[in-house]
Amino acid sequence: MALQASAPPADQESGDRIELVSRDSNTAKSESETSSGQDEGIVYIHGARFRLICTAIAIVMFLVNLEVPVVITSLVAITNDLHGFDNVGWVVSSYLLGYVGVIVICAKFSDIFGRKLIFLSSIVFFIIFSAACSAADTLVQLIIFRAFQGIGGGGCWSLATIIVVELVPPEQYAKFVANISITNALALLLGPIVGGAITSNATWRWIFIIKFEFPI
């Protein structure tokens, strides 16, 4: 005689579902309490110090992003003075190679040695070799100095991006990053205008001189 399996009662199935939903909600609640507890332990900077840091980051990101469009506009004036038009592409490429090559490295060093030390070191590096570029006597010198300037610029951009995210709580990321990113757009917009104005009315060396005079 065939045995017919009896289905579990409807009340039991309903009870199992309620228990499962209750268990999931308790787990989600405990996870949210844990994450909120971790957020409560973070103290964010406010007031004048916060505004000063934001201003410094905005200035650094503006100057670093201004570098490429302002130099591209001035390449003809540079080669008229230093000659070597056949190698003029390296004036831009050397900067970008140094820039890209250290972004991840500087980010890792900041985890080891601290954000402040690496950020300030990158700024100093960028300023020193901006001054060196303004004093270059040959195109080869300018290309070499531009590569080192790119190392400083890459470190500045890497650390500025990290610090921007760490300055505010997660719910303010979108608004804060959007406000800081305005400086990048302005740099790309004003770069050709500034480069053209400088080379038309003064020596091309001023496009590098303003890089170390303005931060100082």
N, C-alpha and C. Protein backbone atom coordinates (compact mmCIF):
# COMPACT_ATOMS: atom_id res chain seq x y z
N MET A 1 0.85 -1.19 0.00
CA MET A 1 0.00 0.00 0.00
C MET A 1 0.88 1.23 0.00
N ALA A 2 0.57 2.21 -0.91
CA ALA A 2 1.39 3.42 -1.03
C ALA A 2 1.17 4.34 0.15
N LEU A 3 2.28 4.90 0.61
CA LEU A 3 2.20 5.85 1.72
C LEU A 3 2.17 7.26 1.15
N GLN A 4 1.30 8.07 1.59
CA GLN A 4 1.16 9.45 1.12
C GLN A 4 1.80 10.39 2.13
N ALA A 5 2.80 11.19 1.65
CA ALA A 5 3.50 12.11 2.56
C ALA A 5 2.56 13.24 2.93
N SER A 6 2.53 13.50 4.18
CA SER A 6 1.65 14.58 4.65
C SER A 6 2.39 15.90 4.62
N ALA A 7 1.78 16.93 4.09
CA ALA A 7 2.38 18.27 4.02
C ALA A 7 2.37 18.91 5.39
N PRO A 8 3.39 19.71 5.71
CA PRO A 8 3.41 20.38 7.02
C PRO A 8 2.25 21.34 7.13
N PRO A 9 1.76 21.51 8.31
CA PRO A 9 0.62 22.43 8.50
C PRO A 9 0.97 23.84 8.07
N ALA A 10 -0.06 24.56 7.63
CA ALA A 10 0.14 25.94 7.18
C ALA A 10 0.63 26.81 8.31
N ASP A 11 0.20 26.56 9.52
CA ASP A 11 0.63 27.39 10.67
C ASP A 11 2.12 27.24 10.92
N GLN A 12 2.63 26.00 10.71
CA GLN A 12 4.05 25.77 10.94
C GLN A 12 4.90 26.51 9.91
N GLU A 13 4.45 26.45 8.59
CA GLU A 13 5.18 27.18 7.55
C GLU A 13 5.19 28.67 7.82
N SER A 14 4.05 29.20 8.23
CA SER A 14 3.98 30.62 8.53
C SER A 14 4.90 30.99 9.68
N GLY A 15 4.95 30.12 10.69
CA GLY A 15 5.82 30.38 11.83
C GLY A 15 7.28 30.37 11.45
N ASP A 16 7.65 29.43 10.52
CA ASP A 16 9.04 29.36 10.06
C ASP A 16 9.43 30.62 9.31
N ARG A 17 8.49 31.11 8.44
CA ARG A 17 8.78 32.33 7.68
C ARG A 17 8.97 33.52 8.62
N ILE A 18 8.10 33.65 9.60
CA ILE A 18 8.19 34.77 10.55
C ILE A 18 9.51 34.72 11.30
N GLU A 19 9.92 33.49 11.69
CA GLU A 19 11.18 33.35 12.44
C GLU A 19 12.37 33.75 11.57
N LEU A 20 12.33 33.33 10.26
CA LEU A 20 13.42 33.65 9.36
C LEU A 20 13.51 35.15 9.11
N VAL A 21 12.36 35.80 8.89
CA VAL A 21 12.34 37.25 8.67
C VAL A 21 12.83 37.97 9.90
N SER A 22 12.43 37.51 11.07
CA SER A 22 12.85 38.14 12.33
C SER A 22 14.35 38.02 12.52
N ARG A 23 14.89 36.82 12.16
CA ARG A 23 16.33 36.61 12.31
C ARG A 23 17.11 37.54 11.37
N ASP A 24 16.63 37.68 10.10
CA ASP A 24 17.30 38.57 9.14
C ASP A 24 17.26 40.02 9.59
N SER A 25 16.13 40.45 10.12
CA SER A 25 16.01 41.84 10.56
C SER A 25 16.91 42.11 11.75
N ASN A 26 17.04 41.13 12.63
CA ASN A 26 17.93 41.30 13.79
C ASN A 26 19.40 41.39 13.35
N THR A 27 19.75 40.56 12.33
CA THR A 27 21.12 40.60 11.81
C THR A 27 21.43 41.95 11.17
N ALA A 28 20.49 42.45 10.34
CA ALA A 28 20.68 43.75 9.70
C ALA A 28 20.79 44.85 10.73
N LYS A 29 19.96 44.76 11.77
CA LYS A 29 19.97 45.78 12.82
C LYS A 29 21.30 45.79 13.55
N SER A 30 21.83 44.59 13.87
CA SER A 30 23.10 44.52 14.58
C SER A 30 24.24 45.04 13.72
N GLU A 31 24.19 44.75 12.39
CA GLU A 31 25.23 45.25 11.51
C GLU A 31 25.19 46.77 11.41
N SER A 32 23.97 47.33 11.32
CA SER A 32 23.85 48.78 11.24
C SER A 32 24.30 49.44 12.53
N GLU A 33 24.03 48.81 13.69
CA GLU A 33 24.48 49.36 14.97
C GLU A 33 26.00 49.32 15.05
N THR A 34 26.60 48.24 14.52
CA THR A 34 28.07 48.13 14.54
C THR A 34 28.70 49.22 13.69
N SER A 35 28.15 49.41 12.44
CA SER A 35 28.72 50.43 11.58
C SER A 35 28.51 51.82 12.12
N SER A 36 27.33 52.08 12.74
CA SER A 36 27.10 53.40 13.32
C SER A 36 28.01 53.63 14.51
N GLY A 37 28.29 52.55 15.26
CA GLY A 37 29.22 52.68 16.37
C GLY A 37 30.62 53.01 15.91
N GLN A 38 31.01 52.42 14.76
CA GLN A 38 32.32 52.74 14.22
C GLN A 38 32.38 54.18 13.73
N ASP A 39 31.28 54.67 13.08
CA ASP A 39 31.25 56.05 12.60
C ASP A 39 31.30 57.05 13.76
N GLU A 40 30.66 56.67 14.89
CA GLU A 40 30.66 57.58 16.03
C GLU A 40 32.05 57.77 16.60
N GLY A 41 32.95 56.82 16.36
CA GLY A 41 34.30 56.94 16.88
C GLY A 41 35.19 57.86 16.05
N ILE A 42 34.73 58.30 14.86
CA ILE A 42 35.51 59.17 13.99
C ILE A 42 35.17 60.62 14.29
N VAL A 43 36.19 61.43 14.52
CA VAL A 43 35.99 62.85 14.79
C VAL A 43 36.41 63.63 13.54
N TYR A 44 35.47 64.38 12.95
CA TYR A 44 35.74 65.15 11.74
C TYR A 44 36.10 66.59 12.10
N ILE A 45 36.93 67.19 11.24
CA ILE A 45 37.40 68.57 11.47
C ILE A 45 36.31 69.54 11.07
N HIS A 46 36.17 70.62 11.85
CA HIS A 46 35.16 71.64 11.57
C HIS A 46 35.80 73.02 11.72
N GLY A 47 35.05 74.03 11.31
CA GLY A 47 35.45 75.40 11.55
C GLY A 47 36.54 75.90 10.62
N ALA A 48 37.36 76.82 11.16
CA ALA A 48 38.39 77.50 10.36
C ALA A 48 39.43 76.51 9.84
N ARG A 49 39.77 75.52 10.64
CA ARG A 49 40.77 74.54 10.20
C ARG A 49 40.26 73.75 8.99
N PHE A 50 39.00 73.39 9.00
CA PHE A 50 38.39 72.67 7.89
C PHE A 50 38.43 73.52 6.62
N ARG A 51 38.05 74.80 6.75
CA ARG A 51 38.05 75.69 5.58
C ARG A 51 39.46 75.92 5.04
N LEU A 52 40.44 76.00 5.95
CA LEU A 52 41.83 76.19 5.52
C LEU A 52 42.34 74.98 4.75
N ILE A 53 42.02 73.79 5.22
CA ILE A 53 42.45 72.58 4.53
C ILE A 53 41.78 72.49 3.16
N CYS A 54 40.50 72.81 3.11
CA CYS A 54 39.77 72.78 1.82
C CYS A 54 40.37 73.77 0.83
N THR A 55 40.72 74.94 1.32
CA THR A 55 41.33 75.95 0.44
C THR A 55 42.68 75.48 -0.09
N ALA A 56 43.49 74.88 0.78
CA ALA A 56 44.80 74.38 0.36
C ALA A 56 44.65 73.28 -0.68
N ILE A 57 43.71 72.37 -0.47
CA ILE A 57 43.49 71.28 -1.42
C ILE A 57 43.01 71.83 -2.76
N ALA A 58 42.10 72.80 -2.72
CA ALA A 58 41.58 73.39 -3.96
C ALA A 58 42.69 74.08 -4.75
N ILE A 59 43.57 74.81 -4.06
CA ILE A 59 44.67 75.51 -4.75
C ILE A 59 45.63 74.50 -5.37
N VAL A 60 45.98 73.46 -4.62
CA VAL A 60 46.91 72.45 -5.13
C VAL A 60 46.33 71.74 -6.35
N MET A 61 45.07 71.33 -6.27
CA MET A 61 44.44 70.63 -7.39
C MET A 61 44.31 71.55 -8.61
N PHE A 62 44.07 72.83 -8.36
CA PHE A 62 43.98 73.79 -9.48
C PHE A 62 45.32 73.90 -10.19
N LEU A 63 46.40 74.08 -9.44
CA LEU A 63 47.72 74.25 -10.05
C LEU A 63 48.20 72.99 -10.77
N VAL A 64 47.92 71.83 -10.16
CA VAL A 64 48.36 70.57 -10.77
C VAL A 64 47.60 70.32 -12.08
N ASN A 65 46.31 70.59 -12.10
CA ASN A 65 45.52 70.37 -13.32
C ASN A 65 45.72 71.47 -14.35
N LEU A 66 46.18 72.64 -13.90
CA LEU A 66 46.49 73.74 -14.83
C LEU A 66 47.73 73.45 -15.66
N GLU A 67 48.57 72.57 -15.16
CA GLU A 67 49.91 72.37 -15.73
C GLU A 67 49.88 71.94 -17.19
N VAL A 68 49.04 70.99 -17.53
CA VAL A 68 49.05 70.45 -18.90
C VAL A 68 48.50 71.45 -19.92
N PRO A 69 47.29 72.00 -19.74
CA PRO A 69 46.77 72.91 -20.79
C PRO A 69 47.58 74.19 -20.93
N VAL A 70 48.14 74.72 -19.83
CA VAL A 70 48.89 75.96 -19.93
C VAL A 70 50.22 75.75 -20.65
N VAL A 71 50.83 74.59 -20.48
CA VAL A 71 52.11 74.31 -21.15
C VAL A 71 51.88 74.00 -22.63
N ILE A 72 50.83 73.26 -22.94
CA ILE A 72 50.54 72.93 -24.34
C ILE A 72 50.37 74.21 -25.17
N THR A 73 49.70 75.20 -24.58
CA THR A 73 49.49 76.45 -25.29
C THR A 73 50.81 77.20 -25.51
N SER A 74 51.80 76.95 -24.67
CA SER A 74 53.05 77.70 -24.73
C SER A 74 54.18 76.96 -25.44
N LEU A 75 53.90 75.81 -26.04
CA LEU A 75 54.97 75.00 -26.63
C LEU A 75 55.71 75.73 -27.76
N VAL A 76 54.99 76.47 -28.57
CA VAL A 76 55.63 77.18 -29.68
C VAL A 76 56.62 78.22 -29.15
N ALA A 77 56.20 78.97 -28.12
CA ALA A 77 57.09 79.97 -27.53
C ALA A 77 58.30 79.31 -26.88
N ILE A 78 58.10 78.14 -26.27
CA ILE A 78 59.22 77.43 -25.63
C ILE A 78 60.24 76.99 -26.66
N THR A 79 59.77 76.41 -27.76
CA THR A 79 60.70 75.92 -28.78
C THR A 79 61.35 77.06 -29.55
N ASN A 80 60.68 78.19 -29.66
CA ASN A 80 61.33 79.35 -30.29
C ASN A 80 62.53 79.83 -29.48
N ASP A 81 62.45 79.63 -28.16
CA ASP A 81 63.53 80.08 -27.28
C ASP A 81 64.60 79.00 -27.10
N LEU A 82 64.16 77.76 -26.85
CA LEU A 82 65.10 76.67 -26.55
C LEU A 82 65.40 75.79 -27.76
N HIS A 83 64.65 75.96 -28.83
CA HIS A 83 64.81 75.16 -30.05
C HIS A 83 64.45 73.68 -29.75
N GLY A 84 64.73 72.80 -30.69
CA GLY A 84 64.41 71.39 -30.49
C GLY A 84 62.94 71.07 -30.69
N PHE A 85 62.34 71.62 -31.73
CA PHE A 85 60.91 71.41 -31.96
C PHE A 85 60.57 69.93 -32.18
N ASP A 86 61.54 69.14 -32.69
CA ASP A 86 61.29 67.72 -32.96
C ASP A 86 61.00 66.94 -31.67
N ASN A 87 61.50 67.40 -30.55
CA ASN A 87 61.31 66.70 -29.27
C ASN A 87 60.33 67.41 -28.34
N VAL A 88 59.56 68.34 -28.88
CA VAL A 88 58.71 69.15 -28.02
C VAL A 88 57.62 68.32 -27.35
N GLY A 89 57.23 67.20 -27.97
CA GLY A 89 56.20 66.37 -27.37
C GLY A 89 56.58 65.82 -26.01
N TRP A 90 57.89 65.67 -25.77
CA TRP A 90 58.35 65.15 -24.49
C TRP A 90 58.17 66.15 -23.34
N VAL A 91 57.98 67.40 -23.66
CA VAL A 91 57.74 68.39 -22.60
C VAL A 91 56.44 68.06 -21.86
N VAL A 92 55.47 67.59 -22.59
CA VAL A 92 54.20 67.19 -21.98
C VAL A 92 54.24 65.74 -21.52
N SER A 93 54.79 64.86 -22.36
CA SER A 93 54.80 63.43 -22.04
C SER A 93 55.60 63.11 -20.79
N SER A 94 56.73 63.78 -20.60
CA SER A 94 57.55 63.51 -19.42
C SER A 94 56.81 63.86 -18.13
N TYR A 95 56.05 64.96 -18.17
CA TYR A 95 55.26 65.34 -17.00
C TYR A 95 54.20 64.28 -16.70
N LEU A 96 53.50 63.83 -17.74
CA LEU A 96 52.44 62.85 -17.55
C LEU A 96 52.98 61.50 -17.09
N LEU A 97 54.15 61.12 -17.58
CA LEU A 97 54.75 59.86 -17.14
C LEU A 97 55.10 59.89 -15.65
N GLY A 98 55.73 60.99 -15.23
CA GLY A 98 56.02 61.12 -13.81
C GLY A 98 54.75 61.20 -12.97
N TYR A 99 53.76 61.88 -13.49
CA TYR A 99 52.47 62.07 -12.80
C TYR A 99 51.78 60.73 -12.55
N VAL A 100 51.62 59.96 -13.62
CA VAL A 100 50.89 58.69 -13.52
C VAL A 100 51.69 57.66 -12.73
N GLY A 101 53.01 57.72 -12.83
CA GLY A 101 53.84 56.69 -12.23
C GLY A 101 53.84 56.65 -10.72
N VAL A 102 53.47 57.74 -10.06
CA VAL A 102 53.59 57.79 -8.60
C VAL A 102 52.24 57.88 -7.87
N ILE A 103 51.14 57.88 -8.60
CA ILE A 103 49.84 58.07 -7.95
C ILE A 103 49.59 56.97 -6.91
N VAL A 104 49.74 55.72 -7.33
CA VAL A 104 49.49 54.59 -6.41
C VAL A 104 50.59 54.52 -5.35
N ILE A 105 51.83 54.79 -5.74
CA ILE A 105 52.95 54.72 -4.80
C ILE A 105 52.78 55.72 -3.66
N CYS A 106 52.42 56.96 -4.01
CA CYS A 106 52.23 57.98 -2.98
C CYS A 106 51.04 57.63 -2.07
N ALA A 107 50.01 57.05 -2.65
CA ALA A 107 48.86 56.64 -1.82
C ALA A 107 49.27 55.58 -0.80
N LYS A 108 50.11 54.64 -1.23
CA LYS A 108 50.58 53.60 -0.30
C LYS A 108 51.52 54.18 0.74
N PHE A 109 52.42 55.07 0.32
CA PHE A 109 53.32 55.70 1.28
C PHE A 109 52.55 56.49 2.33
N SER A 110 51.43 57.09 1.92
CA SER A 110 50.64 57.86 2.89
C SER A 110 50.00 56.96 3.94
N ASP A 111 49.73 55.70 3.58
CA ASP A 111 49.24 54.74 4.57
C ASP A 111 50.31 54.40 5.59
N ILE A 112 51.57 54.43 5.14
CA ILE A 112 52.68 54.04 6.02
C ILE A 112 53.20 55.23 6.84
N PHE A 113 53.44 56.35 6.16
CA PHE A 113 54.09 57.49 6.80
C PHE A 113 53.12 58.61 7.19
N GLY A 114 51.88 58.50 6.78
CA GLY A 114 50.90 59.53 7.14
C GLY A 114 50.58 60.44 5.97
N ARG A 115 49.32 60.93 5.93
CA ARG A 115 48.86 61.77 4.83
C ARG A 115 49.61 63.12 4.79
N LYS A 116 49.80 63.72 5.94
CA LYS A 116 50.36 65.07 6.00
C LYS A 116 51.79 65.11 5.45
N LEU A 117 52.62 64.16 5.86
CA LEU A 117 54.02 64.15 5.43
C LEU A 117 54.14 63.99 3.93
N ILE A 118 53.42 63.03 3.37
CA ILE A 118 53.52 62.77 1.93
C ILE A 118 52.91 63.91 1.13
N PHE A 119 51.83 64.48 1.61
CA PHE A 119 51.18 65.59 0.91
C PHE A 119 52.10 66.81 0.86
N LEU A 120 52.67 67.17 2.00
CA LEU A 120 53.57 68.32 2.04
C LEU A 120 54.85 68.06 1.23
N SER A 121 55.35 66.83 1.28
CA SER A 121 56.55 66.50 0.50
C SER A 121 56.26 66.63 -1.00
N SER A 122 55.08 66.19 -1.42
CA SER A 122 54.71 66.30 -2.84
C SER A 122 54.59 67.75 -3.27
N ILE A 123 54.02 68.58 -2.39
CA ILE A 123 53.89 70.01 -2.71
C ILE A 123 55.27 70.66 -2.86
N VAL A 124 56.17 70.36 -1.93
CA VAL A 124 57.52 70.91 -2.00
C VAL A 124 58.24 70.43 -3.27
N PHE A 125 58.07 69.17 -3.58
CA PHE A 125 58.69 68.60 -4.79
C PHE A 125 58.16 69.31 -6.03
N PHE A 126 56.87 69.53 -6.08
CA PHE A 126 56.25 70.20 -7.23
C PHE A 126 56.75 71.64 -7.36
N ILE A 127 56.85 72.34 -6.24
CA ILE A 127 57.30 73.74 -6.27
C ILE A 127 58.76 73.85 -6.69
N ILE A 128 59.62 72.98 -6.14
CA ILE A 128 61.05 73.05 -6.46
C ILE A 128 61.29 72.84 -7.95
N PHE A 129 60.64 71.83 -8.52
CA PHE A 129 60.90 71.54 -9.93
C PHE A 129 60.11 72.44 -10.86
N SER A 130 59.09 73.12 -10.38
CA SER A 130 58.48 74.20 -11.16
C SER A 130 59.48 75.34 -11.32
N ALA A 131 60.19 75.65 -10.23
CA ALA A 131 61.24 76.67 -10.30
C ALA A 131 62.36 76.23 -11.23
N ALA A 132 62.70 74.94 -11.17
CA ALA A 132 63.76 74.43 -12.05
C ALA A 132 63.36 74.53 -13.52
N CYS A 133 62.09 74.24 -13.81
CA CYS A 133 61.61 74.35 -15.20
C CYS A 133 61.71 75.79 -15.70
N SER A 134 61.41 76.74 -14.83
CA SER A 134 61.48 78.14 -15.25
C SER A 134 62.90 78.59 -15.53
N ALA A 135 63.89 77.87 -15.00
CA ALA A 135 65.30 78.24 -15.19
C ALA A 135 66.01 77.38 -16.21
N ALA A 136 65.29 76.48 -16.90
CA ALA A 136 65.92 75.56 -17.86
C ALA A 136 66.56 76.34 -19.02
N ASP A 137 67.76 75.93 -19.41
CA ASP A 137 68.49 76.58 -20.50
C ASP A 137 68.38 75.81 -21.82
N THR A 138 68.06 74.52 -21.74
CA THR A 138 67.91 73.71 -22.95
C THR A 138 66.62 72.92 -22.86
N LEU A 139 66.18 72.40 -23.99
CA LEU A 139 64.95 71.61 -24.01
C LEU A 139 65.11 70.31 -23.24
N VAL A 140 66.30 69.72 -23.28
CA VAL A 140 66.56 68.48 -22.54
C VAL A 140 66.42 68.72 -21.04
N GLN A 141 66.98 69.82 -20.56
CA GLN A 141 66.82 70.16 -19.14
C GLN A 141 65.35 70.32 -18.78
N LEU A 142 64.62 71.00 -19.62
CA LEU A 142 63.21 71.22 -19.35
C LEU A 142 62.44 69.90 -19.29
N ILE A 143 62.76 68.98 -20.21
CA ILE A 143 62.08 67.68 -20.21
C ILE A 143 62.36 66.91 -18.93
N ILE A 144 63.62 66.92 -18.49
CA ILE A 144 63.99 66.21 -17.26
C ILE A 144 63.31 66.84 -16.05
N PHE A 145 63.34 68.15 -15.94
CA PHE A 145 62.69 68.84 -14.82
C PHE A 145 61.18 68.63 -14.84
N ARG A 146 60.60 68.55 -16.04
CA ARG A 146 59.16 68.31 -16.14
C ARG A 146 58.79 66.93 -15.60
N ALA A 147 59.66 65.95 -15.82
CA ALA A 147 59.38 64.60 -15.30
C ALA A 147 59.33 64.62 -13.77
N PHE A 148 60.29 65.31 -13.15
CA PHE A 148 60.30 65.41 -11.69
C PHE A 148 59.14 66.27 -11.19
N GLN A 149 58.79 67.28 -11.94
CA GLN A 149 57.62 68.08 -11.58
C GLN A 149 56.36 67.23 -11.62
N GLY A 150 56.28 66.32 -12.61
CA GLY A 150 55.14 65.42 -12.68
C GLY A 150 55.05 64.48 -11.49
N ILE A 151 56.20 64.08 -10.95
CA ILE A 151 56.19 63.25 -9.74
C ILE A 151 55.54 64.00 -8.58
N GLY A 152 55.93 65.27 -8.42
CA GLY A 152 55.31 66.08 -7.38
C GLY A 152 53.83 66.30 -7.63
N GLY A 153 53.46 66.55 -8.90
CA GLY A 153 52.06 66.75 -9.23
C GLY A 153 51.21 65.52 -9.00
N GLY A 154 51.75 64.35 -9.37
CA GLY A 154 51.01 63.10 -9.13
C GLY A 154 50.79 62.83 -7.65
N GLY A 155 51.82 63.11 -6.84
CA GLY A 155 51.66 62.94 -5.40
C GLY A 155 50.63 63.90 -4.82
N CYS A 156 50.65 65.15 -5.30
CA CYS A 156 49.66 66.13 -4.83
C CYS A 156 48.24 65.69 -5.17
N TRP A 157 48.04 65.25 -6.39
CA TRP A 157 46.70 64.85 -6.82
C TRP A 157 46.22 63.61 -6.06
N SER A 158 47.12 62.65 -5.88
CA SER A 158 46.77 61.41 -5.18
C SER A 158 46.35 61.70 -3.74
N LEU A 159 47.16 62.48 -3.04
CA LEU A 159 46.86 62.76 -1.63
C LEU A 159 45.65 63.68 -1.48
N ALA A 160 45.51 64.64 -2.39
CA ALA A 160 44.35 65.52 -2.33
C ALA A 160 43.06 64.73 -2.49
N THR A 161 43.06 63.77 -3.40
CA THR A 161 41.87 62.93 -3.61
C THR A 161 41.55 62.10 -2.37
N ILE A 162 42.57 61.57 -1.73
CA ILE A 162 42.35 60.76 -0.52
C ILE A 162 41.83 61.63 0.63
N ILE A 163 42.46 62.77 0.83
CA ILE A 163 42.09 63.64 1.95
C ILE A 163 40.68 64.17 1.79
N VAL A 164 40.28 64.47 0.56
CA VAL A 164 38.92 64.96 0.31
C VAL A 164 37.89 63.97 0.81
N VAL A 165 38.12 62.69 0.59
CA VAL A 165 37.17 61.66 1.00
C VAL A 165 37.16 61.49 2.52
N GLU A 166 38.30 61.75 3.16
CA GLU A 166 38.40 61.51 4.60
C GLU A 166 37.98 62.73 5.43
N LEU A 167 37.74 63.87 4.81
CA LEU A 167 37.42 65.08 5.57
C LEU A 167 35.98 65.12 6.05
N VAL A 168 35.07 64.44 5.34
CA VAL A 168 33.65 64.54 5.65
C VAL A 168 33.05 63.15 5.83
N PRO A 169 31.91 63.03 6.52
CA PRO A 169 31.24 61.75 6.64
C PRO A 169 30.72 61.25 5.29
N PRO A 170 30.45 59.95 5.17
CA PRO A 170 30.03 59.36 3.88
C PRO A 170 28.82 60.03 3.25
N GLU A 171 27.85 60.47 4.06
CA GLU A 171 26.64 61.06 3.49
C GLU A 171 26.90 62.42 2.83
N GLN A 172 28.08 63.02 3.07
CA GLN A 172 28.41 64.32 2.46
C GLN A 172 29.42 64.20 1.32
N TYR A 173 29.80 62.96 0.96
CA TYR A 173 30.81 62.77 -0.08
C TYR A 173 30.44 63.46 -1.38
N ALA A 174 29.22 63.21 -1.87
CA ALA A 174 28.83 63.69 -3.19
C ALA A 174 28.92 65.21 -3.29
N LYS A 175 28.34 65.90 -2.31
CA LYS A 175 28.32 67.35 -2.33
C LYS A 175 29.73 67.93 -2.21
N PHE A 176 30.51 67.40 -1.30
CA PHE A 176 31.84 67.95 -1.04
C PHE A 176 32.79 67.70 -2.22
N VAL A 177 32.78 66.48 -2.74
CA VAL A 177 33.65 66.16 -3.87
C VAL A 177 33.26 66.97 -5.10
N ALA A 178 31.95 67.19 -5.30
CA ALA A 178 31.50 68.00 -6.44
C ALA A 178 32.01 69.44 -6.32
N ASN A 179 31.97 69.99 -5.11
CA ASN A 179 32.45 71.36 -4.91
C ASN A 179 33.95 71.48 -5.16
N ILE A 180 34.72 70.50 -4.66
CA ILE A 180 36.16 70.53 -4.87
C ILE A 180 36.50 70.33 -6.34
N SER A 181 35.71 69.49 -7.03
CA SER A 181 36.00 69.19 -8.44
C SER A 181 35.80 70.39 -9.35
N ILE A 182 35.12 71.41 -8.88
CA ILE A 182 34.97 72.63 -9.68
C ILE A 182 36.34 73.21 -10.03
N THR A 183 37.30 73.09 -9.11
CA THR A 183 38.64 73.62 -9.38
C THR A 183 39.30 72.91 -10.56
N ASN A 184 39.04 71.60 -10.72
CA ASN A 184 39.60 70.88 -11.86
C ASN A 184 39.04 71.41 -13.17
N ALA A 185 37.73 71.65 -13.19
CA ALA A 185 37.10 72.18 -14.40
C ALA A 185 37.63 73.57 -14.73
N LEU A 186 37.80 74.40 -13.69
CA LEU A 186 38.31 75.75 -13.92
C LEU A 186 39.74 75.72 -14.45
N ALA A 187 40.55 74.80 -13.93
CA ALA A 187 41.94 74.70 -14.39
C ALA A 187 42.00 74.33 -15.87
N LEU A 188 41.19 73.36 -16.27
CA LEU A 188 41.19 72.95 -17.67
C LEU A 188 40.62 74.04 -18.57
N LEU A 189 39.69 74.83 -18.04
CA LEU A 189 39.10 75.91 -18.83
C LEU A 189 40.05 77.10 -18.96
N LEU A 190 40.69 77.46 -17.85
CA LEU A 190 41.53 78.66 -17.83
C LEU A 190 42.95 78.41 -18.32
N GLY A 191 43.39 77.15 -18.37
CA GLY A 191 44.75 76.84 -18.76
C GLY A 191 45.16 77.43 -20.10
N PRO A 192 44.43 77.15 -21.17
CA PRO A 192 44.82 77.74 -22.47
C PRO A 192 44.77 79.26 -22.47
N ILE A 193 43.81 79.83 -21.75
CA ILE A 193 43.70 81.30 -21.70
C ILE A 193 44.92 81.89 -20.99
N VAL A 194 45.27 81.32 -19.85
CA VAL A 194 46.42 81.81 -19.09
C VAL A 194 47.71 81.63 -19.88
N GLY A 195 47.87 80.45 -20.50
CA GLY A 195 49.07 80.20 -21.29
C GLY A 195 49.22 81.15 -22.45
N GLY A 196 48.12 81.39 -23.16
CA GLY A 196 48.17 82.33 -24.28
C GLY A 196 48.46 83.75 -23.84
N ALA A 197 47.85 84.16 -22.72
CA ALA A 197 48.07 85.52 -22.23
C ALA A 197 49.52 85.73 -21.80
N ILE A 198 50.10 84.72 -21.14
CA ILE A 198 51.48 84.87 -20.66
C ILE A 198 52.46 84.91 -21.82
N THR A 199 52.33 83.97 -22.75
CA THR A 199 53.29 83.92 -23.86
C THR A 199 53.15 85.11 -24.82
N SER A 200 51.97 85.72 -24.83
CA SER A 200 51.77 86.89 -25.71
C SER A 200 52.33 88.17 -25.11
N ASN A 201 52.38 88.24 -23.77
CA ASN A 201 52.77 89.49 -23.11
C ASN A 201 54.05 89.38 -22.28
N ALA A 202 54.56 88.17 -22.10
CA ALA A 202 55.77 88.01 -21.28
C ALA A 202 56.50 86.76 -21.76
N THR A 203 57.55 86.39 -21.06
CA THR A 203 58.30 85.18 -21.40
C THR A 203 57.54 83.94 -20.96
N TRP A 204 57.75 82.82 -21.65
CA TRP A 204 57.08 81.56 -21.32
C TRP A 204 57.47 81.06 -19.93
N ARG A 205 58.59 81.54 -19.40
CA ARG A 205 59.06 81.07 -18.09
C ARG A 205 58.06 81.41 -16.97
N TRP A 206 57.23 82.40 -17.21
CA TRP A 206 56.25 82.78 -16.19
C TRP A 206 55.18 81.71 -15.97
N ILE A 207 54.99 80.83 -16.93
CA ILE A 207 53.98 79.77 -16.71
C ILE A 207 54.45 78.80 -15.63
N PHE A 208 55.76 78.75 -15.39
CA PHE A 208 56.29 77.92 -14.30
C PHE A 208 56.54 78.75 -13.05
N ILE A 209 56.87 80.01 -13.23
CA ILE A 209 57.13 80.86 -12.07
C ILE A 209 55.88 81.00 -11.20
N ILE A 210 54.72 81.13 -11.83
CA ILE A 210 53.48 81.29 -11.04
C ILE A 210 53.16 80.04 -10.25
N LYS A 211 53.71 78.89 -10.66
CA LYS A 211 53.43 77.63 -9.95
C LYS A 211 54.08 77.60 -8.57
N PHE A 212 55.26 78.23 -8.44
CA PHE A 212 55.89 78.20 -7.11
C PHE A 212 55.72 79.50 -6.35
N GLU A 213 55.39 80.59 -7.02
CA GLU A 213 55.15 81.84 -6.30
C GLU A 213 53.76 81.84 -5.66
N PHE A 214 52.77 81.30 -6.38
CA PHE A 214 51.40 81.33 -5.87
C PHE A 214 51.23 80.51 -4.58
N PRO A 215 51.71 79.24 -4.51
CA PRO A 215 51.57 78.49 -3.25
C PRO A 215 52.34 79.12 -2.10
N ILE A 216 53.54 79.69 -2.40
CA ILE A 216 54.33 80.29 -1.32
C ILE A 216 53.61 81.51 -0.75
